[in-house]
Amino acid sequence: MKKFILSGVLIFFVFTGCAPQNRTQSGALIGAAGGAAAGALAGQIIGKDTEGTLIGAAVGSAVGGAAGAGVGYMMDKQERDLNQALAASNAAAIHREGNLLAITLKGDVSFDSGSANINPGLYSEIDRIAQIMIQYPQTRIQVEGHTDSQGSDASNMELSRRRANSVMNALVQRGVDSSRIIVIPFGESQPVATNATPEGRQKNRRVEIKIEPSSAG
């Protein structure tokens, strides 16, 4: 019984104790650490007594760590594919936070002031983004709309909703499952630049696409 416990603990340290050698290993190890912690907690809940709790925690750590590593690796691959697909783009920028991928469709090429119509120059980027999303169905997608400060708060909130819906509809038309996507409008509440200049307002007229794993396993 003790050997079984020790084996589970050793598996946990294999995931969390090795220094990552590259971005892929880094993402996988982040996922492994989070999965192991969650698995250990679940194992403790399952345990019936002190010994059972130790066994449950060790097994939970190993199983949860393996699942978390798989999620991190998947997000690493998706980030790599998006970076390759959008390497030459001047309309989209990619940002990574843990297992969250954020794509910003820049305002200077996305939408004209007061309009929810996607500018033609953005469609090639949306084509590439949709192709990558289809390859990774184990993720969910949040499309966020943003505006500059021209106009009333209410009109800007509605405009940001229509802009996000325009991007969502474009993704769905290219084969992305609509059940994976939610739309959230922010109006003018989250500017990334000053609204005092035309250049700043262009940057604030944007849509951000957030991609995250649909589950921990």
N, C-alpha and C. Protein backbone atom coordinates (compact mmCIF):
# COMPACT_ATOMS: atom_id res chain seq x y z
N MET A 1 0.83 -1.21 0.00
CA MET A 1 0.00 0.00 0.00
C MET A 1 0.87 1.26 0.00
N LYS A 2 1.96 1.24 0.82
CA LYS A 2 2.83 2.40 0.87
C LYS A 2 3.52 2.63 -0.47
N LYS A 3 3.87 1.50 -1.17
CA LYS A 3 4.50 1.65 -2.48
C LYS A 3 3.55 2.34 -3.45
N PHE A 4 2.28 2.04 -3.34
CA PHE A 4 1.28 2.66 -4.22
C PHE A 4 1.19 4.15 -3.98
N ILE A 5 1.21 4.54 -2.70
CA ILE A 5 1.18 5.96 -2.35
C ILE A 5 2.42 6.65 -2.89
N LEU A 6 3.59 6.04 -2.67
CA LEU A 6 4.84 6.64 -3.12
C LEU A 6 4.86 6.83 -4.62
N SER A 7 4.32 5.85 -5.36
CA SER A 7 4.30 5.96 -6.82
C SER A 7 3.50 7.17 -7.27
N GLY A 8 2.33 7.39 -6.62
CA GLY A 8 1.51 8.54 -6.98
C GLY A 8 2.22 9.84 -6.70
N VAL A 9 2.89 9.93 -5.55
CA VAL A 9 3.59 11.16 -5.19
C VAL A 9 4.74 11.41 -6.15
N LEU A 10 5.46 10.37 -6.54
CA LEU A 10 6.57 10.53 -7.47
C LEU A 10 6.08 11.04 -8.81
N ILE A 11 4.94 10.54 -9.27
CA ILE A 11 4.38 11.04 -10.54
C ILE A 11 4.10 12.53 -10.45
N PHE A 12 3.56 12.96 -9.29
CA PHE A 12 3.27 14.39 -9.10
C PHE A 12 4.54 15.22 -9.24
N PHE A 13 5.65 14.76 -8.60
CA PHE A 13 6.87 15.54 -8.65
C PHE A 13 7.53 15.50 -10.02
N VAL A 14 7.27 14.45 -10.78
CA VAL A 14 7.77 14.44 -12.16
C VAL A 14 7.19 15.59 -12.93
N PHE A 15 5.89 15.87 -12.71
CA PHE A 15 5.23 16.96 -13.41
C PHE A 15 5.68 18.33 -12.92
N THR A 16 5.84 18.46 -11.59
CA THR A 16 6.03 19.81 -11.04
C THR A 16 7.47 20.15 -10.73
N GLY A 17 8.37 19.17 -10.69
CA GLY A 17 9.72 19.42 -10.24
C GLY A 17 10.72 19.64 -11.34
N CYS A 18 10.36 19.40 -12.61
CA CYS A 18 11.31 19.53 -13.71
C CYS A 18 11.27 20.93 -14.28
N ALA A 19 12.39 21.52 -14.53
CA ALA A 19 12.44 22.86 -15.11
C ALA A 19 12.06 22.79 -16.57
N PRO A 20 11.14 23.66 -17.09
CA PRO A 20 10.75 23.63 -18.49
C PRO A 20 11.90 24.07 -19.38
N GLN A 21 12.03 23.39 -20.51
CA GLN A 21 13.08 23.72 -21.46
C GLN A 21 12.61 24.62 -22.59
N ASN A 22 11.29 24.71 -22.79
CA ASN A 22 10.76 25.56 -23.86
C ASN A 22 9.34 25.94 -23.52
N ARG A 23 8.70 26.75 -24.41
CA ARG A 23 7.35 27.23 -24.14
C ARG A 23 6.35 26.09 -24.02
N THR A 24 6.48 25.06 -24.87
CA THR A 24 5.54 23.96 -24.82
C THR A 24 5.61 23.25 -23.48
N GLN A 25 6.84 22.95 -23.01
CA GLN A 25 6.98 22.31 -21.71
C GLN A 25 6.47 23.21 -20.60
N SER A 26 6.69 24.52 -20.73
CA SER A 26 6.24 25.46 -19.72
C SER A 26 4.73 25.43 -19.58
N GLY A 27 4.02 25.49 -20.71
CA GLY A 27 2.57 25.44 -20.66
C GLY A 27 2.06 24.13 -20.11
N ALA A 28 2.70 23.04 -20.50
CA ALA A 28 2.28 21.73 -20.01
C ALA A 28 2.50 21.62 -18.51
N LEU A 29 3.62 22.14 -18.00
CA LEU A 29 3.90 22.06 -16.57
C LEU A 29 2.96 22.93 -15.77
N ILE A 30 2.61 24.11 -16.29
CA ILE A 30 1.62 24.95 -15.61
C ILE A 30 0.31 24.20 -15.47
N GLY A 31 -0.12 23.57 -16.57
CA GLY A 31 -1.35 22.78 -16.53
C GLY A 31 -1.23 21.62 -15.59
N ALA A 32 -0.07 20.96 -15.57
CA ALA A 32 0.13 19.81 -14.69
C ALA A 32 0.03 20.20 -13.23
N ALA A 33 0.65 21.33 -12.86
CA ALA A 33 0.62 21.77 -11.47
C ALA A 33 -0.80 22.07 -11.03
N GLY A 34 -1.56 22.79 -11.87
CA GLY A 34 -2.94 23.11 -11.52
C GLY A 34 -3.80 21.86 -11.45
N GLY A 35 -3.61 20.96 -12.42
CA GLY A 35 -4.38 19.72 -12.42
C GLY A 35 -4.05 18.85 -11.24
N ALA A 36 -2.78 18.78 -10.88
CA ALA A 36 -2.38 17.97 -9.74
C ALA A 36 -3.00 18.47 -8.45
N ALA A 37 -3.02 19.78 -8.26
CA ALA A 37 -3.61 20.36 -7.05
C ALA A 37 -5.09 20.02 -6.96
N ALA A 38 -5.79 20.19 -8.09
CA ALA A 38 -7.22 19.87 -8.10
C ALA A 38 -7.44 18.38 -7.89
N GLY A 39 -6.60 17.56 -8.50
CA GLY A 39 -6.74 16.13 -8.35
C GLY A 39 -6.49 15.68 -6.93
N ALA A 40 -5.50 16.27 -6.28
CA ALA A 40 -5.21 15.92 -4.90
C ALA A 40 -6.39 16.24 -4.00
N LEU A 41 -7.01 17.40 -4.22
CA LEU A 41 -8.16 17.79 -3.41
C LEU A 41 -9.30 16.80 -3.61
N ALA A 42 -9.55 16.43 -4.88
CA ALA A 42 -10.60 15.46 -5.15
C ALA A 42 -10.29 14.13 -4.50
N GLY A 43 -9.02 13.74 -4.52
CA GLY A 43 -8.63 12.48 -3.90
C GLY A 43 -8.86 12.48 -2.41
N GLN A 44 -8.61 13.61 -1.77
CA GLN A 44 -8.84 13.72 -0.33
C GLN A 44 -10.32 13.60 0.00
N ILE A 45 -11.15 14.15 -0.83
CA ILE A 45 -12.60 14.07 -0.61
C ILE A 45 -13.07 12.62 -0.72
N ILE A 46 -12.47 11.90 -1.68
CA ILE A 46 -12.86 10.51 -1.91
C ILE A 46 -12.41 9.62 -0.76
N GLY A 47 -11.22 9.92 -0.15
CA GLY A 47 -10.65 9.05 0.88
C GLY A 47 -11.60 8.83 2.04
N LYS A 48 -11.62 7.57 2.55
CA LYS A 48 -12.55 7.22 3.63
C LYS A 48 -11.92 7.37 5.01
N ASP A 49 -10.58 7.22 5.09
CA ASP A 49 -9.89 7.36 6.37
C ASP A 49 -8.53 7.99 6.10
N THR A 50 -7.68 8.04 7.13
CA THR A 50 -6.39 8.70 6.95
C THR A 50 -5.59 8.08 5.83
N GLU A 51 -5.49 6.73 5.85
CA GLU A 51 -4.72 6.05 4.81
C GLU A 51 -5.40 6.23 3.46
N GLY A 52 -6.72 6.09 3.45
CA GLY A 52 -7.44 6.25 2.19
C GLY A 52 -7.30 7.65 1.64
N THR A 53 -7.26 8.65 2.53
CA THR A 53 -7.09 10.02 2.08
C THR A 53 -5.74 10.23 1.43
N LEU A 54 -4.69 9.64 2.03
CA LEU A 54 -3.36 9.77 1.44
C LEU A 54 -3.30 9.12 0.08
N ILE A 55 -3.92 7.94 -0.03
CA ILE A 55 -3.94 7.26 -1.33
C ILE A 55 -4.70 8.10 -2.34
N GLY A 56 -5.87 8.60 -1.92
CA GLY A 56 -6.68 9.39 -2.84
C GLY A 56 -5.96 10.64 -3.30
N ALA A 57 -5.26 11.31 -2.39
CA ALA A 57 -4.54 12.53 -2.75
C ALA A 57 -3.43 12.23 -3.74
N ALA A 58 -2.69 11.13 -3.52
CA ALA A 58 -1.59 10.79 -4.41
C ALA A 58 -2.10 10.44 -5.80
N VAL A 59 -3.13 9.59 -5.85
CA VAL A 59 -3.69 9.21 -7.14
C VAL A 59 -4.32 10.42 -7.83
N GLY A 60 -5.04 11.23 -7.05
CA GLY A 60 -5.65 12.43 -7.63
C GLY A 60 -4.62 13.37 -8.20
N SER A 61 -3.50 13.53 -7.50
CA SER A 61 -2.43 14.40 -8.00
C SER A 61 -1.89 13.89 -9.32
N ALA A 62 -1.67 12.59 -9.41
CA ALA A 62 -1.11 12.02 -10.63
C ALA A 62 -2.07 12.17 -11.80
N VAL A 63 -3.33 11.80 -11.59
CA VAL A 63 -4.32 11.86 -12.66
C VAL A 63 -4.60 13.31 -13.06
N GLY A 64 -4.80 14.17 -12.04
CA GLY A 64 -5.07 15.58 -12.34
C GLY A 64 -3.90 16.25 -13.02
N GLY A 65 -2.67 15.90 -12.58
CA GLY A 65 -1.49 16.48 -13.21
C GLY A 65 -1.38 16.09 -14.66
N ALA A 66 -1.65 14.83 -14.98
CA ALA A 66 -1.58 14.38 -16.37
C ALA A 66 -2.61 15.10 -17.23
N ALA A 67 -3.82 15.25 -16.69
CA ALA A 67 -4.87 15.95 -17.44
C ALA A 67 -4.50 17.41 -17.66
N GLY A 68 -3.99 18.06 -16.60
CA GLY A 68 -3.61 19.46 -16.73
C GLY A 68 -2.50 19.67 -17.72
N ALA A 69 -1.53 18.73 -17.74
CA ALA A 69 -0.44 18.83 -18.70
C ALA A 69 -0.96 18.76 -20.11
N GLY A 70 -1.97 17.89 -20.34
CA GLY A 70 -2.56 17.78 -21.67
C GLY A 70 -3.22 19.07 -22.11
N VAL A 71 -3.93 19.74 -21.19
CA VAL A 71 -4.58 21.01 -21.51
C VAL A 71 -3.54 22.07 -21.85
N GLY A 72 -2.48 22.16 -21.02
CA GLY A 72 -1.44 23.15 -21.28
C GLY A 72 -0.77 22.93 -22.62
N TYR A 73 -0.51 21.67 -22.95
CA TYR A 73 0.12 21.34 -24.23
C TYR A 73 -0.78 21.72 -25.39
N MET A 74 -2.10 21.45 -25.24
CA MET A 74 -3.03 21.82 -26.30
C MET A 74 -3.04 23.32 -26.54
N MET A 75 -3.03 24.12 -25.45
CA MET A 75 -3.05 25.56 -25.61
C MET A 75 -1.73 26.07 -26.19
N ASP A 76 -0.61 25.42 -25.84
CA ASP A 76 0.67 25.76 -26.45
C ASP A 76 0.62 25.57 -27.96
N LYS A 77 0.08 24.44 -28.38
CA LYS A 77 0.00 24.14 -29.81
C LYS A 77 -0.91 25.15 -30.53
N GLN A 78 -2.02 25.49 -29.89
CA GLN A 78 -2.94 26.44 -30.51
C GLN A 78 -2.30 27.82 -30.61
N GLU A 79 -1.58 28.23 -29.58
CA GLU A 79 -0.87 29.51 -29.63
C GLU A 79 0.15 29.52 -30.76
N ARG A 80 0.91 28.42 -30.87
CA ARG A 80 1.91 28.31 -31.94
C ARG A 80 1.25 28.41 -33.31
N ASP A 81 0.15 27.69 -33.50
CA ASP A 81 -0.53 27.70 -34.79
C ASP A 81 -1.10 29.08 -35.12
N LEU A 82 -1.64 29.76 -34.12
CA LEU A 82 -2.17 31.11 -34.35
C LEU A 82 -1.05 32.08 -34.69
N ASN A 83 0.05 31.99 -33.98
CA ASN A 83 1.19 32.87 -34.27
C ASN A 83 1.71 32.65 -35.69
N GLN A 84 1.76 31.40 -36.12
CA GLN A 84 2.21 31.12 -37.47
C GLN A 84 1.22 31.63 -38.50
N ALA A 85 -0.08 31.43 -38.23
CA ALA A 85 -1.11 31.84 -39.18
C ALA A 85 -1.20 33.36 -39.31
N LEU A 86 -0.90 34.08 -38.22
CA LEU A 86 -1.06 35.53 -38.21
C LEU A 86 0.28 36.27 -38.19
N ALA A 87 1.35 35.55 -38.54
CA ALA A 87 2.69 36.13 -38.45
C ALA A 87 2.83 37.39 -39.28
N ALA A 88 2.19 37.44 -40.44
CA ALA A 88 2.32 38.59 -41.33
C ALA A 88 1.19 39.60 -41.18
N SER A 89 0.33 39.40 -40.17
CA SER A 89 -0.85 40.26 -40.02
C SER A 89 -0.50 41.58 -39.34
N ASN A 90 -1.10 42.65 -39.85
CA ASN A 90 -1.00 43.94 -39.16
C ASN A 90 -2.34 44.31 -38.53
N ALA A 91 -3.26 43.32 -38.50
CA ALA A 91 -4.60 43.58 -37.99
C ALA A 91 -4.91 42.83 -36.71
N ALA A 92 -4.09 41.83 -36.37
CA ALA A 92 -4.38 41.01 -35.20
C ALA A 92 -3.14 40.83 -34.35
N ALA A 93 -3.33 40.86 -33.02
CA ALA A 93 -2.23 40.64 -32.08
C ALA A 93 -2.66 39.57 -31.08
N ILE A 94 -1.72 38.69 -30.69
CA ILE A 94 -2.02 37.57 -29.80
C ILE A 94 -1.31 37.77 -28.47
N HIS A 95 -2.05 37.51 -27.39
CA HIS A 95 -1.50 37.64 -26.04
C HIS A 95 -1.85 36.38 -25.26
N ARG A 96 -0.95 35.89 -24.41
CA ARG A 96 -1.16 34.66 -23.65
C ARG A 96 -1.08 34.95 -22.16
N GLU A 97 -2.06 34.45 -21.41
CA GLU A 97 -2.05 34.51 -19.96
C GLU A 97 -2.43 33.14 -19.43
N GLY A 98 -1.45 32.37 -18.94
CA GLY A 98 -1.74 31.02 -18.49
C GLY A 98 -2.28 30.20 -19.64
N ASN A 99 -3.48 29.62 -19.46
CA ASN A 99 -4.11 28.86 -20.52
C ASN A 99 -5.17 29.67 -21.26
N LEU A 100 -5.10 30.99 -21.16
CA LEU A 100 -6.00 31.86 -21.90
C LEU A 100 -5.25 32.50 -23.06
N LEU A 101 -5.82 32.40 -24.25
CA LEU A 101 -5.29 33.07 -25.44
C LEU A 101 -6.21 34.24 -25.78
N ALA A 102 -5.64 35.41 -26.02
CA ALA A 102 -6.42 36.58 -26.38
C ALA A 102 -5.94 37.12 -27.72
N ILE A 103 -6.86 37.27 -28.65
CA ILE A 103 -6.56 37.84 -29.96
C ILE A 103 -7.26 39.18 -30.06
N THR A 104 -6.51 40.23 -30.31
CA THR A 104 -7.08 41.56 -30.49
C THR A 104 -7.14 41.88 -31.97
N LEU A 105 -8.34 42.14 -32.47
CA LEU A 105 -8.53 42.61 -33.84
C LEU A 105 -8.48 44.13 -33.80
N LYS A 106 -7.39 44.67 -34.31
CA LYS A 106 -7.07 46.07 -34.10
C LYS A 106 -8.09 47.01 -34.76
N GLY A 107 -8.39 48.10 -34.04
CA GLY A 107 -9.43 49.01 -34.49
C GLY A 107 -9.11 49.75 -35.76
N ASP A 108 -7.82 49.97 -36.06
CA ASP A 108 -7.51 50.78 -37.24
C ASP A 108 -7.82 50.07 -38.55
N VAL A 109 -8.03 48.74 -38.49
CA VAL A 109 -8.41 48.02 -39.71
C VAL A 109 -9.69 47.21 -39.53
N SER A 110 -10.29 47.26 -38.36
CA SER A 110 -11.46 46.42 -38.08
C SER A 110 -12.78 47.10 -38.42
N PHE A 111 -13.00 48.29 -37.86
CA PHE A 111 -14.29 48.96 -38.00
C PHE A 111 -14.10 50.45 -38.23
N ASP A 112 -14.97 51.02 -39.03
CA ASP A 112 -15.03 52.48 -39.15
C ASP A 112 -15.80 53.03 -37.96
N SER A 113 -15.62 54.31 -37.68
CA SER A 113 -16.32 54.94 -36.57
C SER A 113 -17.83 54.82 -36.75
N GLY A 114 -18.52 54.36 -35.71
CA GLY A 114 -19.96 54.23 -35.73
C GLY A 114 -20.49 53.03 -36.49
N SER A 115 -19.61 52.18 -37.02
CA SER A 115 -20.03 51.06 -37.85
C SER A 115 -19.74 49.73 -37.19
N ALA A 116 -20.63 48.74 -37.42
CA ALA A 116 -20.40 47.36 -36.98
C ALA A 116 -20.05 46.46 -38.15
N ASN A 117 -19.85 47.06 -39.32
CA ASN A 117 -19.46 46.27 -40.49
C ASN A 117 -17.96 46.02 -40.47
N ILE A 118 -17.58 44.76 -40.60
CA ILE A 118 -16.17 44.40 -40.61
C ILE A 118 -15.53 44.93 -41.89
N ASN A 119 -14.42 45.64 -41.74
CA ASN A 119 -13.72 46.13 -42.92
C ASN A 119 -13.16 44.95 -43.72
N PRO A 120 -13.18 45.04 -45.07
CA PRO A 120 -12.74 43.92 -45.91
C PRO A 120 -11.33 43.44 -45.59
N GLY A 121 -10.47 44.34 -45.15
CA GLY A 121 -9.09 43.94 -44.87
C GLY A 121 -8.95 42.98 -43.71
N LEU A 122 -10.01 42.79 -42.92
CA LEU A 122 -9.94 41.91 -41.75
C LEU A 122 -10.33 40.47 -42.07
N TYR A 123 -10.97 40.25 -43.19
CA TYR A 123 -11.52 38.92 -43.45
C TYR A 123 -10.45 37.84 -43.60
N SER A 124 -9.30 38.17 -44.14
CA SER A 124 -8.25 37.15 -44.28
C SER A 124 -7.78 36.68 -42.91
N GLU A 125 -7.70 37.60 -41.93
CA GLU A 125 -7.32 37.22 -40.58
C GLU A 125 -8.39 36.35 -39.93
N ILE A 126 -9.66 36.72 -40.13
CA ILE A 126 -10.75 35.92 -39.56
C ILE A 126 -10.76 34.53 -40.18
N ASP A 127 -10.47 34.42 -41.48
CA ASP A 127 -10.37 33.11 -42.12
C ASP A 127 -9.34 32.24 -41.40
N ARG A 128 -8.16 32.79 -41.15
CA ARG A 128 -7.09 32.02 -40.52
C ARG A 128 -7.42 31.65 -39.08
N ILE A 129 -8.00 32.61 -38.35
CA ILE A 129 -8.37 32.35 -36.96
C ILE A 129 -9.40 31.23 -36.89
N ALA A 130 -10.40 31.27 -37.75
CA ALA A 130 -11.45 30.24 -37.75
C ALA A 130 -10.87 28.87 -38.05
N GLN A 131 -9.95 28.79 -38.99
CA GLN A 131 -9.34 27.50 -39.32
C GLN A 131 -8.64 26.88 -38.12
N ILE A 132 -7.95 27.71 -37.34
CA ILE A 132 -7.27 27.20 -36.15
C ILE A 132 -8.29 26.78 -35.09
N MET A 133 -9.34 27.58 -34.90
CA MET A 133 -10.35 27.25 -33.91
C MET A 133 -11.01 25.91 -34.20
N ILE A 134 -11.25 25.62 -35.46
CA ILE A 134 -11.89 24.36 -35.85
C ILE A 134 -10.99 23.18 -35.49
N GLN A 135 -9.69 23.38 -35.53
CA GLN A 135 -8.75 22.30 -35.22
C GLN A 135 -8.70 21.99 -33.72
N TYR A 136 -9.20 22.91 -32.90
CA TYR A 136 -9.15 22.74 -31.44
C TYR A 136 -10.55 22.89 -30.85
N PRO A 137 -11.41 21.88 -31.05
CA PRO A 137 -12.80 21.99 -30.59
C PRO A 137 -12.95 21.92 -29.07
N GLN A 138 -11.86 21.60 -28.35
CA GLN A 138 -11.96 21.47 -26.89
C GLN A 138 -11.81 22.83 -26.19
N THR A 139 -12.03 23.90 -26.90
CA THR A 139 -11.94 25.23 -26.31
C THR A 139 -13.27 25.97 -26.46
N ARG A 140 -13.48 26.94 -25.57
CA ARG A 140 -14.62 27.84 -25.70
C ARG A 140 -14.11 29.24 -26.02
N ILE A 141 -14.97 30.04 -26.61
CA ILE A 141 -14.55 31.31 -27.21
C ILE A 141 -15.44 32.44 -26.70
N GLN A 142 -14.83 33.52 -26.26
CA GLN A 142 -15.55 34.71 -25.82
C GLN A 142 -15.19 35.86 -26.74
N VAL A 143 -16.18 36.45 -27.40
CA VAL A 143 -15.95 37.56 -28.32
C VAL A 143 -16.42 38.84 -27.63
N GLU A 144 -15.48 39.77 -27.42
CA GLU A 144 -15.77 40.99 -26.68
C GLU A 144 -15.72 42.20 -27.63
N GLY A 145 -16.76 43.03 -27.57
CA GLY A 145 -16.82 44.23 -28.41
C GLY A 145 -16.45 45.48 -27.64
N HIS A 146 -15.74 46.39 -28.30
CA HIS A 146 -15.29 47.65 -27.69
C HIS A 146 -15.46 48.80 -28.69
N THR A 147 -15.70 50.00 -28.15
CA THR A 147 -15.86 51.19 -28.99
C THR A 147 -14.97 52.32 -28.48
N ASP A 148 -14.91 53.39 -29.26
CA ASP A 148 -14.32 54.62 -28.75
C ASP A 148 -15.39 55.37 -27.96
N SER A 149 -15.10 56.58 -27.55
CA SER A 149 -16.02 57.31 -26.67
C SER A 149 -16.97 58.24 -27.41
N GLN A 150 -16.94 58.21 -28.72
CA GLN A 150 -17.85 59.06 -29.48
C GLN A 150 -19.28 58.53 -29.34
N GLY A 151 -20.23 59.41 -29.00
CA GLY A 151 -21.60 58.97 -28.81
C GLY A 151 -21.91 58.69 -27.35
N SER A 152 -23.18 58.30 -27.08
CA SER A 152 -23.62 58.06 -25.71
C SER A 152 -23.17 56.69 -25.23
N ASP A 153 -23.19 56.51 -23.91
CA ASP A 153 -22.84 55.22 -23.33
C ASP A 153 -23.74 54.11 -23.88
N ALA A 154 -25.03 54.40 -23.93
CA ALA A 154 -25.99 53.38 -24.38
C ALA A 154 -25.76 53.00 -25.83
N SER A 155 -25.54 53.99 -26.68
CA SER A 155 -25.33 53.69 -28.10
C SER A 155 -24.01 52.94 -28.31
N ASN A 156 -23.01 53.29 -27.53
CA ASN A 156 -21.72 52.60 -27.65
C ASN A 156 -21.81 51.15 -27.15
N MET A 157 -22.60 50.91 -26.11
CA MET A 157 -22.79 49.55 -25.64
C MET A 157 -23.45 48.70 -26.72
N GLU A 158 -24.47 49.26 -27.36
CA GLU A 158 -25.14 48.53 -28.42
C GLU A 158 -24.23 48.34 -29.63
N LEU A 159 -23.44 49.35 -29.95
CA LEU A 159 -22.51 49.24 -31.07
C LEU A 159 -21.46 48.16 -30.80
N SER A 160 -20.97 48.10 -29.57
CA SER A 160 -19.97 47.08 -29.25
C SER A 160 -20.58 45.68 -29.32
N ARG A 161 -21.85 45.57 -28.98
CA ARG A 161 -22.54 44.28 -29.10
C ARG A 161 -22.63 43.87 -30.57
N ARG A 162 -22.99 44.82 -31.42
CA ARG A 162 -23.13 44.49 -32.85
C ARG A 162 -21.77 44.16 -33.47
N ARG A 163 -20.73 44.83 -33.03
CA ARG A 163 -19.39 44.52 -33.55
C ARG A 163 -18.96 43.11 -33.15
N ALA A 164 -19.18 42.76 -31.90
CA ALA A 164 -18.84 41.41 -31.45
C ALA A 164 -19.67 40.37 -32.18
N ASN A 165 -20.94 40.66 -32.40
CA ASN A 165 -21.80 39.73 -33.14
C ASN A 165 -21.34 39.58 -34.58
N SER A 166 -20.85 40.66 -35.17
CA SER A 166 -20.35 40.58 -36.55
C SER A 166 -19.18 39.61 -36.64
N VAL A 167 -18.27 39.69 -35.67
CA VAL A 167 -17.12 38.78 -35.66
C VAL A 167 -17.57 37.35 -35.37
N MET A 168 -18.47 37.19 -34.41
CA MET A 168 -18.98 35.85 -34.11
C MET A 168 -19.62 35.23 -35.35
N ASN A 169 -20.47 35.99 -36.03
CA ASN A 169 -21.15 35.47 -37.23
C ASN A 169 -20.14 35.11 -38.31
N ALA A 170 -19.07 35.90 -38.45
CA ALA A 170 -18.05 35.60 -39.44
C ALA A 170 -17.34 34.29 -39.10
N LEU A 171 -17.08 34.05 -37.82
CA LEU A 171 -16.44 32.80 -37.41
C LEU A 171 -17.36 31.60 -37.66
N VAL A 172 -18.65 31.76 -37.32
CA VAL A 172 -19.62 30.69 -37.52
C VAL A 172 -19.77 30.37 -39.01
N GLN A 173 -19.82 31.40 -39.84
CA GLN A 173 -19.91 31.19 -41.29
C GLN A 173 -18.74 30.40 -41.83
N ARG A 174 -17.61 30.45 -41.13
CA ARG A 174 -16.41 29.73 -41.57
C ARG A 174 -16.25 28.38 -40.88
N GLY A 175 -17.30 27.95 -40.17
CA GLY A 175 -17.32 26.59 -39.65
C GLY A 175 -17.11 26.42 -38.17
N VAL A 176 -16.93 27.51 -37.41
CA VAL A 176 -16.77 27.39 -35.96
C VAL A 176 -18.14 27.15 -35.33
N ASP A 177 -18.25 26.16 -34.46
CA ASP A 177 -19.51 25.81 -33.81
C ASP A 177 -20.00 26.97 -32.95
N SER A 178 -21.20 27.43 -33.22
CA SER A 178 -21.74 28.59 -32.50
C SER A 178 -21.94 28.30 -31.01
N SER A 179 -22.11 27.02 -30.63
CA SER A 179 -22.32 26.69 -29.22
C SER A 179 -21.06 26.93 -28.38
N ARG A 180 -19.92 27.09 -29.02
CA ARG A 180 -18.66 27.35 -28.31
C ARG A 180 -18.47 28.84 -28.03
N ILE A 181 -19.30 29.71 -28.61
CA ILE A 181 -19.04 31.14 -28.60
C ILE A 181 -20.06 31.89 -27.76
N ILE A 182 -19.58 32.83 -26.94
CA ILE A 182 -20.45 33.79 -26.27
C ILE A 182 -19.97 35.19 -26.64
N VAL A 183 -20.90 36.14 -26.62
CA VAL A 183 -20.61 37.53 -26.97
C VAL A 183 -20.80 38.41 -25.74
N ILE A 184 -19.83 39.28 -25.47
CA ILE A 184 -19.93 40.22 -24.35
C ILE A 184 -19.58 41.63 -24.85
N PRO A 185 -20.50 42.59 -24.74
CA PRO A 185 -20.21 43.97 -25.13
C PRO A 185 -19.67 44.77 -23.95
N PHE A 186 -18.68 45.61 -24.20
CA PHE A 186 -18.13 46.47 -23.16
C PHE A 186 -18.31 47.95 -23.46
N GLY A 187 -18.82 48.28 -24.63
CA GLY A 187 -18.97 49.69 -24.97
C GLY A 187 -17.65 50.42 -24.94
N GLU A 188 -17.64 51.61 -24.34
CA GLU A 188 -16.43 52.43 -24.27
C GLU A 188 -15.70 52.27 -22.94
N SER A 189 -16.11 51.28 -22.13
CA SER A 189 -15.64 51.19 -20.74
C SER A 189 -14.21 50.68 -20.58
N GLN A 190 -13.61 50.09 -21.61
CA GLN A 190 -12.28 49.53 -21.47
C GLN A 190 -11.36 50.02 -22.60
N PRO A 191 -11.06 51.31 -22.63
CA PRO A 191 -10.18 51.83 -23.69
C PRO A 191 -8.75 51.34 -23.50
N VAL A 192 -8.04 51.18 -24.61
CA VAL A 192 -6.61 50.81 -24.56
C VAL A 192 -5.74 51.98 -24.99
N ALA A 193 -6.37 53.07 -25.36
CA ALA A 193 -5.65 54.27 -25.80
C ALA A 193 -6.51 55.49 -25.51
N THR A 194 -5.95 56.66 -25.67
CA THR A 194 -6.72 57.88 -25.44
C THR A 194 -7.81 58.03 -26.49
N ASN A 195 -8.94 58.57 -26.05
CA ASN A 195 -10.02 58.89 -26.98
C ASN A 195 -9.93 60.34 -27.46
N ALA A 196 -8.85 61.04 -27.10
CA ALA A 196 -8.69 62.45 -27.46
C ALA A 196 -8.14 62.64 -28.87
N THR A 197 -7.64 61.56 -29.49
CA THR A 197 -7.07 61.66 -30.83
C THR A 197 -7.72 60.64 -31.75
N PRO A 198 -7.74 60.90 -33.06
CA PRO A 198 -8.28 59.92 -34.01
C PRO A 198 -7.54 58.59 -33.95
N GLU A 199 -6.23 58.65 -33.75
CA GLU A 199 -5.43 57.42 -33.69
C GLU A 199 -5.81 56.58 -32.47
N GLY A 200 -6.00 57.26 -31.33
CA GLY A 200 -6.41 56.55 -30.13
C GLY A 200 -7.79 55.93 -30.27
N ARG A 201 -8.71 56.67 -30.86
CA ARG A 201 -10.06 56.14 -31.05
C ARG A 201 -10.07 54.93 -31.98
N GLN A 202 -9.22 54.94 -32.98
CA GLN A 202 -9.11 53.76 -33.86
C GLN A 202 -8.70 52.52 -33.08
N LYS A 203 -7.78 52.68 -32.15
CA LYS A 203 -7.33 51.54 -31.35
C LYS A 203 -8.43 51.04 -30.42
N ASN A 204 -9.27 51.94 -29.96
CA ASN A 204 -10.35 51.54 -29.05
C ASN A 204 -11.50 50.86 -29.79
N ARG A 205 -11.64 51.10 -31.08
CA ARG A 205 -12.65 50.41 -31.88
C ARG A 205 -12.10 49.02 -32.25
N ARG A 206 -12.37 48.06 -31.40
CA ARG A 206 -11.74 46.75 -31.59
C ARG A 206 -12.66 45.64 -31.09
N VAL A 207 -12.31 44.43 -31.46
CA VAL A 207 -12.93 43.23 -30.92
C VAL A 207 -11.83 42.34 -30.39
N GLU A 208 -12.02 41.81 -29.19
CA GLU A 208 -11.06 40.89 -28.60
C GLU A 208 -11.68 39.50 -28.52
N ILE A 209 -10.92 38.50 -28.94
CA ILE A 209 -11.38 37.11 -28.92
C ILE A 209 -10.56 36.37 -27.86
N LYS A 210 -11.27 35.84 -26.85
CA LYS A 210 -10.61 35.10 -25.78
C LYS A 210 -10.88 33.60 -25.99
N ILE A 211 -9.83 32.80 -25.91
CA ILE A 211 -9.94 31.35 -26.12
C ILE A 211 -9.40 30.65 -24.88
N GLU A 212 -10.18 29.73 -24.32
CA GLU A 212 -9.74 29.00 -23.14
C GLU A 212 -10.21 27.56 -23.22
N PRO A 213 -9.56 26.65 -22.48
CA PRO A 213 -10.01 25.25 -22.50
C PRO A 213 -11.44 25.13 -22.03
N SER A 214 -12.19 24.23 -22.65
CA SER A 214 -13.58 24.06 -22.26
C SER A 214 -13.72 23.25 -20.99
N SER A 215 -12.65 22.52 -20.60
CA SER A 215 -12.64 21.77 -19.35
C SER A 215 -11.20 21.53 -18.95
N ALA A 216 -10.98 21.06 -17.75
CA ALA A 216 -9.63 20.82 -17.26
C ALA A 216 -9.07 19.50 -17.75
N GLY A 217 -9.87 18.66 -18.38
CA GLY A 217 -9.43 17.36 -18.82
C GLY A 217 -9.60 17.16 -20.27
